[in-house]
Amino acid sequence: MSTNKFSELTGDYVLDPAHTRIGFIARHAMATRVRGNFRTFDGNAHLDFDAPPRSSGRLTIQAKSIDTGNRQRDDLLGKKFLGVDDHPTITFVLTEVERSGEANLEVTGDLTMRGITRPITMGFELIGAETDPRGALRIDFTGSVTINRKDWGVHWKAAGGMVGPKVTLQFDVAVIRKP
């Protein structure tokens, strides 16, 4: 996408939860992968493609909305890993955006989980931008980052196995520009 096209996308956006997936992949017992996602979240952003450092945004995930397809595991992950009783939300606050290629962005922000805040940087690819039937501009991005869960105080080990320390966070994001 050309710089001029990117400029046309500058504006204030709200996350479209119906077309967004926030997921994760973690290794269990160092052999199998557990995949899951969060069902409840919201967010907004000001995206400035003429001056990406002026962009800002916030994502709030309800930690108890974790879903791996197994209710018993979800309850365990929520309580033991995410500490949902004391820390009901996971947040990401955007602090910096840089263009990196024709349709790519490097996004840096503060990820807060279990009351611990650490900076992370992840790559995003602009998948598409179009006006929907209602006349609203929609942008789709995809990106991921691998984190070490121990950096956020998640040290718990299960009796029957162990979850690897690396967790890949996956984002398929759709945002709608506010009028």
N, C-alpha and C. Protein backbone atom coordinates (compact mmCIF):
# COMPACT_ATOMS: atom_id res chain seq x y z
N MET A 1 0.86 -1.17 0.00
CA MET A 1 0.00 0.00 0.00
C MET A 1 0.89 1.23 0.00
N SER A 2 0.60 2.18 -0.83
CA SER A 2 1.44 3.37 -0.94
C SER A 2 1.25 4.27 0.27
N THR A 3 2.23 5.18 0.45
CA THR A 3 2.16 6.12 1.56
C THR A 3 0.88 6.94 1.48
N ASN A 4 0.48 7.37 0.27
CA ASN A 4 -0.75 8.15 0.13
C ASN A 4 -1.96 7.34 0.58
N LYS A 5 -2.00 6.07 0.23
CA LYS A 5 -3.12 5.22 0.65
C LYS A 5 -3.14 5.09 2.17
N PHE A 6 -1.96 4.91 2.78
CA PHE A 6 -1.89 4.82 4.23
C PHE A 6 -2.44 6.10 4.86
N SER A 7 -2.10 7.27 4.30
CA SER A 7 -2.57 8.55 4.84
C SER A 7 -4.09 8.60 4.90
N GLU A 8 -4.76 8.01 3.93
CA GLU A 8 -6.22 8.01 3.89
C GLU A 8 -6.84 7.22 5.04
N LEU A 9 -6.04 6.39 5.71
CA LEU A 9 -6.55 5.54 6.79
C LEU A 9 -6.45 6.19 8.17
N THR A 10 -5.79 7.35 8.26
CA THR A 10 -5.63 8.03 9.54
C THR A 10 -6.99 8.34 10.15
N GLY A 11 -7.13 8.08 11.46
CA GLY A 11 -8.39 8.40 12.13
C GLY A 11 -8.53 7.68 13.45
N ASP A 12 -9.71 7.84 14.04
CA ASP A 12 -10.04 7.19 15.31
C ASP A 12 -10.86 5.94 15.01
N TYR A 13 -10.49 4.85 15.67
CA TYR A 13 -11.09 3.55 15.39
C TYR A 13 -11.56 2.88 16.68
N VAL A 14 -12.53 2.00 16.49
CA VAL A 14 -13.00 1.13 17.58
C VAL A 14 -12.86 -0.31 17.09
N LEU A 15 -12.51 -1.18 18.01
CA LEU A 15 -12.34 -2.60 17.70
C LEU A 15 -13.69 -3.22 17.35
N ASP A 16 -13.70 -4.07 16.34
CA ASP A 16 -14.91 -4.79 15.95
C ASP A 16 -14.79 -6.21 16.52
N PRO A 17 -15.36 -6.48 17.71
CA PRO A 17 -15.19 -7.78 18.34
C PRO A 17 -15.77 -8.95 17.54
N ALA A 18 -16.78 -8.68 16.71
CA ALA A 18 -17.39 -9.76 15.93
C ALA A 18 -16.46 -10.26 14.83
N HIS A 19 -15.47 -9.46 14.45
CA HIS A 19 -14.55 -9.84 13.38
C HIS A 19 -13.09 -9.84 13.84
N THR A 20 -12.89 -9.93 15.15
CA THR A 20 -11.55 -9.94 15.74
C THR A 20 -11.35 -11.23 16.51
N ARG A 21 -10.16 -11.79 16.41
CA ARG A 21 -9.79 -12.97 17.21
C ARG A 21 -8.50 -12.67 17.92
N ILE A 22 -8.50 -12.87 19.24
CA ILE A 22 -7.30 -12.73 20.05
C ILE A 22 -7.01 -14.11 20.62
N GLY A 23 -5.97 -14.73 20.12
CA GLY A 23 -5.69 -16.11 20.49
C GLY A 23 -4.29 -16.31 21.04
N PHE A 24 -4.02 -17.56 21.38
CA PHE A 24 -2.71 -17.92 21.90
C PHE A 24 -2.42 -19.39 21.60
N ILE A 25 -1.14 -19.71 21.61
CA ILE A 25 -0.68 -21.09 21.48
C ILE A 25 0.39 -21.30 22.54
N ALA A 26 0.24 -22.38 23.32
CA ALA A 26 1.23 -22.73 24.33
C ALA A 26 1.53 -24.22 24.23
N ARG A 27 2.73 -24.59 24.55
CA ARG A 27 3.10 -26.02 24.55
C ARG A 27 2.76 -26.63 25.91
N HIS A 28 2.17 -27.80 25.87
CA HIS A 28 1.87 -28.55 27.09
C HIS A 28 2.72 -29.80 27.09
N ALA A 29 3.36 -30.06 28.19
CA ALA A 29 4.22 -31.24 28.34
C ALA A 29 5.28 -31.27 27.24
N MET A 30 5.62 -30.09 26.73
CA MET A 30 6.67 -29.90 25.75
C MET A 30 6.42 -30.67 24.44
N ALA A 31 5.25 -31.23 24.26
CA ALA A 31 4.98 -32.00 23.04
C ALA A 31 3.76 -31.48 22.29
N THR A 32 2.64 -31.39 22.96
CA THR A 32 1.42 -30.95 22.29
C THR A 32 1.24 -29.45 22.42
N ARG A 33 0.44 -28.91 21.55
CA ARG A 33 0.12 -27.48 21.60
C ARG A 33 -1.31 -27.30 22.06
N VAL A 34 -1.49 -26.36 22.94
CA VAL A 34 -2.83 -25.97 23.36
C VAL A 34 -3.12 -24.63 22.71
N ARG A 35 -4.22 -24.57 21.98
CA ARG A 35 -4.65 -23.34 21.32
C ARG A 35 -5.90 -22.83 22.01
N GLY A 36 -5.98 -21.53 22.08
CA GLY A 36 -7.17 -20.95 22.68
C GLY A 36 -7.34 -19.51 22.25
N ASN A 37 -8.37 -18.90 22.77
CA ASN A 37 -8.63 -17.50 22.48
C ASN A 37 -9.40 -16.88 23.64
N PHE A 38 -9.58 -15.58 23.56
CA PHE A 38 -10.38 -14.85 24.53
C PHE A 38 -11.65 -14.41 23.83
N ARG A 39 -12.78 -14.59 24.49
CA ARG A 39 -14.08 -14.28 23.87
C ARG A 39 -14.54 -12.84 24.11
N THR A 40 -14.08 -12.20 25.20
CA THR A 40 -14.60 -10.88 25.55
C THR A 40 -13.46 -9.87 25.66
N PHE A 41 -13.55 -8.83 24.85
CA PHE A 41 -12.53 -7.78 24.83
C PHE A 41 -13.10 -6.55 24.15
N ASP A 42 -12.44 -5.42 24.34
CA ASP A 42 -12.80 -4.20 23.63
C ASP A 42 -11.55 -3.34 23.48
N GLY A 43 -11.64 -2.39 22.58
CA GLY A 43 -10.48 -1.54 22.37
C GLY A 43 -10.78 -0.41 21.42
N ASN A 44 -9.86 0.54 21.40
CA ASN A 44 -9.96 1.68 20.49
C ASN A 44 -8.55 2.17 20.19
N ALA A 45 -8.45 2.95 19.13
CA ALA A 45 -7.14 3.47 18.74
C ALA A 45 -7.29 4.73 17.91
N HIS A 46 -6.28 5.56 18.01
CA HIS A 46 -6.09 6.66 17.06
C HIS A 46 -4.90 6.24 16.22
N LEU A 47 -5.12 6.01 14.94
CA LEU A 47 -4.05 5.60 14.03
C LEU A 47 -3.69 6.78 13.15
N ASP A 48 -2.42 7.18 13.21
CA ASP A 48 -1.94 8.31 12.41
C ASP A 48 -0.88 7.78 11.46
N PHE A 49 -1.26 7.52 10.23
CA PHE A 49 -0.32 6.93 9.27
C PHE A 49 0.61 7.96 8.65
N ASP A 50 0.32 9.26 8.82
CA ASP A 50 1.25 10.30 8.39
C ASP A 50 2.37 10.46 9.41
N ALA A 51 2.05 10.26 10.67
CA ALA A 51 3.02 10.36 11.77
C ALA A 51 2.74 9.23 12.74
N PRO A 52 3.16 7.99 12.40
CA PRO A 52 2.84 6.83 13.24
C PRO A 52 3.15 6.98 14.73
N PRO A 53 4.21 7.70 15.12
CA PRO A 53 4.45 7.85 16.57
C PRO A 53 3.33 8.57 17.31
N ARG A 54 2.46 9.29 16.60
CA ARG A 54 1.33 9.96 17.24
C ARG A 54 0.13 9.04 17.44
N SER A 55 0.25 7.80 17.02
CA SER A 55 -0.83 6.83 17.21
C SER A 55 -0.93 6.44 18.67
N SER A 56 -2.12 6.05 19.08
CA SER A 56 -2.33 5.60 20.46
C SER A 56 -3.46 4.58 20.44
N GLY A 57 -3.56 3.79 21.50
CA GLY A 57 -4.64 2.82 21.55
C GLY A 57 -4.61 2.01 22.82
N ARG A 58 -5.70 1.30 23.05
CA ARG A 58 -5.83 0.47 24.24
C ARG A 58 -6.71 -0.73 23.92
N LEU A 59 -6.28 -1.89 24.39
CA LEU A 59 -7.03 -3.14 24.28
C LEU A 59 -7.23 -3.67 25.69
N THR A 60 -8.46 -4.03 26.03
CA THR A 60 -8.77 -4.62 27.34
C THR A 60 -9.43 -5.97 27.11
N ILE A 61 -8.83 -7.01 27.67
CA ILE A 61 -9.32 -8.38 27.54
C ILE A 61 -9.84 -8.83 28.90
N GLN A 62 -11.02 -9.42 28.92
CA GLN A 62 -11.55 -10.02 30.14
C GLN A 62 -10.88 -11.39 30.30
N ALA A 63 -10.00 -11.51 31.29
CA ALA A 63 -9.19 -12.72 31.46
C ALA A 63 -10.04 -13.97 31.64
N LYS A 64 -11.17 -13.85 32.30
CA LYS A 64 -12.01 -15.03 32.54
C LYS A 64 -12.69 -15.54 31.27
N SER A 65 -12.57 -14.80 30.17
CA SER A 65 -13.19 -15.24 28.92
C SER A 65 -12.29 -16.19 28.13
N ILE A 66 -11.23 -16.69 28.76
CA ILE A 66 -10.32 -17.63 28.10
C ILE A 66 -11.10 -18.87 27.66
N ASP A 67 -10.78 -19.36 26.46
CA ASP A 67 -11.51 -20.49 25.90
C ASP A 67 -10.55 -21.37 25.10
N THR A 68 -10.32 -22.58 25.62
CA THR A 68 -9.49 -23.56 24.92
C THR A 68 -10.32 -24.74 24.43
N GLY A 69 -11.63 -24.65 24.63
CA GLY A 69 -12.50 -25.76 24.25
C GLY A 69 -12.65 -26.79 25.35
N ASN A 70 -12.07 -26.55 26.52
CA ASN A 70 -12.14 -27.48 27.65
C ASN A 70 -12.39 -26.65 28.90
N ARG A 71 -13.60 -26.70 29.42
CA ARG A 71 -13.98 -25.85 30.56
C ARG A 71 -13.10 -26.07 31.79
N GLN A 72 -12.75 -27.29 32.10
CA GLN A 72 -11.90 -27.57 33.26
C GLN A 72 -10.53 -26.91 33.08
N ARG A 73 -9.96 -27.04 31.89
CA ARG A 73 -8.66 -26.41 31.63
C ARG A 73 -8.79 -24.89 31.66
N ASP A 74 -9.88 -24.36 31.10
CA ASP A 74 -10.09 -22.91 31.09
C ASP A 74 -10.16 -22.37 32.51
N ASP A 75 -10.89 -23.06 33.39
CA ASP A 75 -10.97 -22.63 34.79
C ASP A 75 -9.59 -22.65 35.45
N LEU A 76 -8.83 -23.70 35.19
CA LEU A 76 -7.49 -23.83 35.76
C LEU A 76 -6.57 -22.71 35.23
N LEU A 77 -6.58 -22.49 33.93
CA LEU A 77 -5.75 -21.44 33.35
C LEU A 77 -6.15 -20.07 33.89
N GLY A 78 -7.44 -19.83 33.99
CA GLY A 78 -7.92 -18.56 34.51
C GLY A 78 -7.47 -18.31 35.94
N LYS A 79 -7.64 -19.29 36.78
CA LYS A 79 -7.31 -19.10 38.19
C LYS A 79 -5.81 -19.19 38.47
N LYS A 80 -5.15 -20.24 38.00
CA LYS A 80 -3.74 -20.45 38.32
C LYS A 80 -2.78 -19.64 37.47
N PHE A 81 -3.07 -19.52 36.18
CA PHE A 81 -2.15 -18.80 35.30
C PHE A 81 -2.43 -17.31 35.26
N LEU A 82 -3.69 -16.95 35.02
CA LEU A 82 -4.03 -15.55 34.83
C LEU A 82 -4.46 -14.84 36.11
N GLY A 83 -4.76 -15.59 37.17
CA GLY A 83 -5.15 -14.98 38.44
C GLY A 83 -6.37 -14.10 38.31
N VAL A 84 -7.42 -14.61 37.63
CA VAL A 84 -8.59 -13.79 37.31
C VAL A 84 -9.31 -13.22 38.53
N ASP A 85 -9.18 -13.88 39.69
CA ASP A 85 -9.87 -13.36 40.87
C ASP A 85 -9.28 -12.01 41.30
N ASP A 86 -7.96 -11.87 41.20
CA ASP A 86 -7.30 -10.63 41.59
C ASP A 86 -7.01 -9.71 40.40
N HIS A 87 -6.93 -10.28 39.21
CA HIS A 87 -6.57 -9.53 38.01
C HIS A 87 -7.53 -9.88 36.88
N PRO A 88 -8.73 -9.28 36.89
CA PRO A 88 -9.76 -9.67 35.93
C PRO A 88 -9.49 -9.27 34.48
N THR A 89 -8.57 -8.33 34.25
CA THR A 89 -8.32 -7.90 32.88
C THR A 89 -6.84 -8.03 32.50
N ILE A 90 -6.63 -8.17 31.22
CA ILE A 90 -5.31 -8.10 30.59
C ILE A 90 -5.39 -6.88 29.68
N THR A 91 -4.41 -5.99 29.76
CA THR A 91 -4.47 -4.79 28.93
C THR A 91 -3.21 -4.64 28.09
N PHE A 92 -3.39 -4.00 26.95
CA PHE A 92 -2.28 -3.60 26.10
C PHE A 92 -2.50 -2.14 25.77
N VAL A 93 -1.52 -1.30 26.12
CA VAL A 93 -1.60 0.12 25.83
C VAL A 93 -0.51 0.44 24.81
N LEU A 94 -0.94 0.88 23.66
CA LEU A 94 -0.02 1.19 22.56
C LEU A 94 0.83 2.41 22.91
N THR A 95 2.15 2.29 22.73
CA THR A 95 3.04 3.40 23.03
C THR A 95 3.79 3.90 21.80
N GLU A 96 3.91 3.05 20.76
CA GLU A 96 4.67 3.45 19.58
C GLU A 96 4.27 2.60 18.38
N VAL A 97 4.22 3.24 17.22
CA VAL A 97 3.96 2.54 15.96
C VAL A 97 4.98 3.03 14.94
N GLU A 98 5.55 2.10 14.20
CA GLU A 98 6.47 2.44 13.12
C GLU A 98 6.10 1.65 11.88
N ARG A 99 6.18 2.28 10.72
CA ARG A 99 5.99 1.57 9.46
C ARG A 99 7.22 0.71 9.21
N SER A 100 7.01 -0.47 8.70
CA SER A 100 8.13 -1.37 8.38
C SER A 100 7.81 -2.12 7.10
N GLY A 101 7.91 -1.41 6.00
CA GLY A 101 7.58 -2.04 4.74
C GLY A 101 6.29 -1.50 4.17
N GLU A 102 5.92 -2.05 3.04
CA GLU A 102 4.77 -1.55 2.29
C GLU A 102 3.45 -1.63 3.09
N ALA A 103 3.19 -2.74 3.75
CA ALA A 103 1.92 -2.90 4.48
C ALA A 103 2.15 -3.44 5.88
N ASN A 104 3.31 -3.15 6.46
CA ASN A 104 3.64 -3.69 7.78
C ASN A 104 3.89 -2.59 8.79
N LEU A 105 3.54 -2.91 10.03
CA LEU A 105 3.76 -2.00 11.15
C LEU A 105 4.45 -2.75 12.28
N GLU A 106 5.33 -2.05 12.99
CA GLU A 106 5.89 -2.56 14.24
C GLU A 106 5.16 -1.80 15.35
N VAL A 107 4.48 -2.53 16.20
CA VAL A 107 3.66 -1.94 17.25
C VAL A 107 4.28 -2.28 18.61
N THR A 108 4.55 -1.25 19.40
CA THR A 108 5.11 -1.43 20.73
C THR A 108 4.09 -0.91 21.74
N GLY A 109 4.01 -1.60 22.86
CA GLY A 109 3.10 -1.17 23.90
C GLY A 109 3.37 -1.89 25.20
N ASP A 110 2.63 -1.52 26.21
CA ASP A 110 2.76 -2.11 27.55
C ASP A 110 1.67 -3.15 27.74
N LEU A 111 2.10 -4.40 27.94
CA LEU A 111 1.18 -5.50 28.21
C LEU A 111 1.14 -5.71 29.72
N THR A 112 -0.06 -5.63 30.29
CA THR A 112 -0.25 -5.84 31.72
C THR A 112 -1.06 -7.10 31.93
N MET A 113 -0.47 -8.02 32.69
CA MET A 113 -1.10 -9.30 33.00
C MET A 113 -0.72 -9.65 34.43
N ARG A 114 -1.69 -10.08 35.22
CA ARG A 114 -1.43 -10.43 36.62
C ARG A 114 -0.82 -9.26 37.40
N GLY A 115 -1.15 -8.03 36.99
CA GLY A 115 -0.65 -6.85 37.69
C GLY A 115 0.78 -6.47 37.33
N ILE A 116 1.39 -7.17 36.40
CA ILE A 116 2.76 -6.89 35.97
C ILE A 116 2.72 -6.30 34.57
N THR A 117 3.40 -5.17 34.39
CA THR A 117 3.44 -4.49 33.10
C THR A 117 4.83 -4.60 32.50
N ARG A 118 4.88 -5.05 31.25
CA ARG A 118 6.15 -5.17 30.52
C ARG A 118 5.91 -4.71 29.08
N PRO A 119 6.93 -4.09 28.46
CA PRO A 119 6.78 -3.69 27.07
C PRO A 119 6.95 -4.88 26.13
N ILE A 120 6.20 -4.87 25.05
CA ILE A 120 6.36 -5.87 23.99
C ILE A 120 6.28 -5.15 22.64
N THR A 121 6.92 -5.74 21.64
CA THR A 121 6.84 -5.22 20.27
C THR A 121 6.41 -6.36 19.38
N MET A 122 5.45 -6.10 18.51
CA MET A 122 4.98 -7.14 17.61
C MET A 122 4.78 -6.56 16.22
N GLY A 123 4.94 -7.42 15.25
CA GLY A 123 4.72 -7.03 13.87
C GLY A 123 3.28 -7.26 13.47
N PHE A 124 2.74 -6.33 12.71
CA PHE A 124 1.39 -6.45 12.16
C PHE A 124 1.44 -6.23 10.66
N GLU A 125 0.62 -6.98 9.96
CA GLU A 125 0.47 -6.79 8.53
C GLU A 125 -0.93 -6.27 8.25
N LEU A 126 -1.01 -5.22 7.44
CA LEU A 126 -2.29 -4.69 7.01
C LEU A 126 -2.84 -5.64 5.96
N ILE A 127 -3.95 -6.29 6.27
CA ILE A 127 -4.56 -7.27 5.37
C ILE A 127 -5.48 -6.59 4.36
N GLY A 128 -6.21 -5.58 4.81
CA GLY A 128 -7.12 -4.92 3.90
C GLY A 128 -7.78 -3.71 4.54
N ALA A 129 -8.28 -2.84 3.69
CA ALA A 129 -9.03 -1.66 4.13
C ALA A 129 -10.12 -1.42 3.10
N GLU A 130 -11.36 -1.32 3.59
CA GLU A 130 -12.45 -1.09 2.66
C GLU A 130 -13.62 -0.44 3.37
N THR A 131 -14.48 0.16 2.60
CA THR A 131 -15.69 0.76 3.14
C THR A 131 -16.78 -0.30 3.16
N ASP A 132 -17.41 -0.47 4.33
CA ASP A 132 -18.45 -1.49 4.45
C ASP A 132 -19.78 -0.96 3.90
N PRO A 133 -20.82 -1.81 3.82
CA PRO A 133 -22.11 -1.39 3.25
C PRO A 133 -22.75 -0.20 3.98
N ARG A 134 -22.37 0.04 5.23
CA ARG A 134 -22.93 1.17 5.99
C ARG A 134 -22.13 2.45 5.78
N GLY A 135 -21.04 2.36 4.99
CA GLY A 135 -20.24 3.54 4.70
C GLY A 135 -19.07 3.75 5.65
N ALA A 136 -18.84 2.81 6.57
CA ALA A 136 -17.75 2.94 7.53
C ALA A 136 -16.47 2.28 6.98
N LEU A 137 -15.34 2.93 7.22
CA LEU A 137 -14.06 2.37 6.81
C LEU A 137 -13.64 1.29 7.81
N ARG A 138 -13.29 0.13 7.29
CA ARG A 138 -12.85 -1.00 8.12
C ARG A 138 -11.42 -1.37 7.70
N ILE A 139 -10.58 -1.64 8.70
CA ILE A 139 -9.20 -2.07 8.44
C ILE A 139 -8.99 -3.40 9.15
N ASP A 140 -8.31 -4.32 8.47
CA ASP A 140 -7.99 -5.63 9.04
C ASP A 140 -6.47 -5.78 9.13
N PHE A 141 -6.00 -6.22 10.31
CA PHE A 141 -4.58 -6.46 10.56
C PHE A 141 -4.41 -7.88 11.09
N THR A 142 -3.23 -8.43 10.91
CA THR A 142 -2.89 -9.68 11.56
C THR A 142 -1.47 -9.56 12.11
N GLY A 143 -1.24 -10.15 13.28
CA GLY A 143 0.08 -10.07 13.89
C GLY A 143 0.22 -11.08 15.01
N SER A 144 1.46 -11.23 15.46
CA SER A 144 1.71 -12.14 16.58
C SER A 144 3.01 -11.76 17.28
N VAL A 145 3.15 -12.28 18.48
CA VAL A 145 4.37 -12.09 19.26
C VAL A 145 4.49 -13.27 20.21
N THR A 146 5.71 -13.70 20.47
CA THR A 146 5.94 -14.77 21.44
C THR A 146 6.51 -14.14 22.70
N ILE A 147 5.88 -14.46 23.83
CA ILE A 147 6.32 -13.93 25.12
C ILE A 147 6.72 -15.08 26.03
N ASN A 148 7.43 -14.76 27.09
CA ASN A 148 7.75 -15.73 28.13
C ASN A 148 6.78 -15.47 29.27
N ARG A 149 5.90 -16.41 29.54
CA ARG A 149 4.86 -16.23 30.56
C ARG A 149 5.45 -15.91 31.93
N LYS A 150 6.67 -16.36 32.20
CA LYS A 150 7.31 -16.13 33.50
C LYS A 150 7.61 -14.65 33.73
N ASP A 151 7.74 -13.88 32.64
CA ASP A 151 7.96 -12.44 32.78
C ASP A 151 6.77 -11.74 33.41
N TRP A 152 5.61 -12.39 33.40
CA TRP A 152 4.40 -11.84 34.00
C TRP A 152 3.99 -12.62 35.25
N GLY A 153 4.94 -13.32 35.86
CA GLY A 153 4.69 -14.00 37.12
C GLY A 153 3.91 -15.29 37.03
N VAL A 154 3.89 -15.91 35.87
CA VAL A 154 3.17 -17.17 35.70
C VAL A 154 4.19 -18.31 35.81
N HIS A 155 4.32 -18.85 37.02
CA HIS A 155 5.32 -19.88 37.29
C HIS A 155 4.72 -21.21 37.69
N TRP A 156 3.42 -21.31 37.69
CA TRP A 156 2.74 -22.49 38.20
C TRP A 156 2.97 -23.69 37.30
N LYS A 157 3.20 -24.88 37.93
CA LYS A 157 3.37 -26.13 37.18
C LYS A 157 2.25 -27.09 37.55
N ALA A 158 1.70 -27.74 36.55
CA ALA A 158 0.65 -28.73 36.80
C ALA A 158 1.28 -30.04 37.23
N ALA A 159 0.59 -30.78 38.08
CA ALA A 159 1.10 -32.05 38.58
C ALA A 159 1.29 -33.07 37.47
N GLY A 160 0.40 -33.06 36.48
CA GLY A 160 0.45 -34.06 35.43
C GLY A 160 1.26 -33.66 34.22
N GLY A 161 1.90 -32.53 34.26
CA GLY A 161 2.68 -32.08 33.11
C GLY A 161 3.10 -30.65 33.29
N MET A 162 3.72 -30.12 32.28
CA MET A 162 4.22 -28.76 32.40
C MET A 162 3.87 -27.98 31.14
N VAL A 163 3.55 -26.74 31.35
CA VAL A 163 3.29 -25.84 30.23
C VAL A 163 4.60 -25.13 29.94
N GLY A 164 5.01 -25.12 28.68
CA GLY A 164 6.25 -24.45 28.29
C GLY A 164 6.19 -22.96 28.62
N PRO A 165 7.34 -22.33 28.79
CA PRO A 165 7.36 -20.92 29.16
C PRO A 165 6.98 -19.96 28.02
N LYS A 166 7.14 -20.38 26.78
CA LYS A 166 6.84 -19.51 25.65
C LYS A 166 5.38 -19.64 25.23
N VAL A 167 4.74 -18.50 25.06
CA VAL A 167 3.36 -18.44 24.62
C VAL A 167 3.29 -17.48 23.44
N THR A 168 2.71 -17.93 22.35
CA THR A 168 2.54 -17.07 21.18
C THR A 168 1.15 -16.44 21.24
N LEU A 169 1.12 -15.12 21.20
CA LEU A 169 -0.13 -14.37 21.17
C LEU A 169 -0.43 -14.05 19.71
N GLN A 170 -1.66 -14.31 19.28
CA GLN A 170 -2.05 -14.09 17.89
C GLN A 170 -3.21 -13.10 17.83
N PHE A 171 -3.10 -12.18 16.88
CA PHE A 171 -4.11 -11.13 16.75
C PHE A 171 -4.59 -11.07 15.29
N ASP A 172 -5.87 -11.30 15.09
CA ASP A 172 -6.54 -11.01 13.83
C ASP A 172 -7.55 -9.93 14.17
N VAL A 173 -7.23 -8.71 13.80
CA VAL A 173 -7.93 -7.55 14.30
C VAL A 173 -8.68 -6.83 13.19
N ALA A 174 -9.93 -6.48 13.47
CA ALA A 174 -10.72 -5.62 12.59
C ALA A 174 -11.13 -4.38 13.38
N VAL A 175 -10.87 -3.22 12.79
CA VAL A 175 -11.26 -1.97 13.43
C VAL A 175 -12.14 -1.18 12.47
N ILE A 176 -13.01 -0.35 13.05
CA ILE A 176 -13.95 0.48 12.28
C ILE A 176 -13.67 1.94 12.62
N ARG A 177 -13.50 2.75 11.59
CA ARG A 177 -13.24 4.16 11.84
C ARG A 177 -14.51 4.83 12.35
N LYS A 178 -14.34 5.63 13.40
CA LYS A 178 -15.46 6.39 13.94
C LYS A 178 -15.80 7.54 13.00
N PRO A 179 -17.10 7.87 12.91
CA PRO A 179 -17.50 8.98 12.02
C PRO A 179 -16.99 10.32 12.52
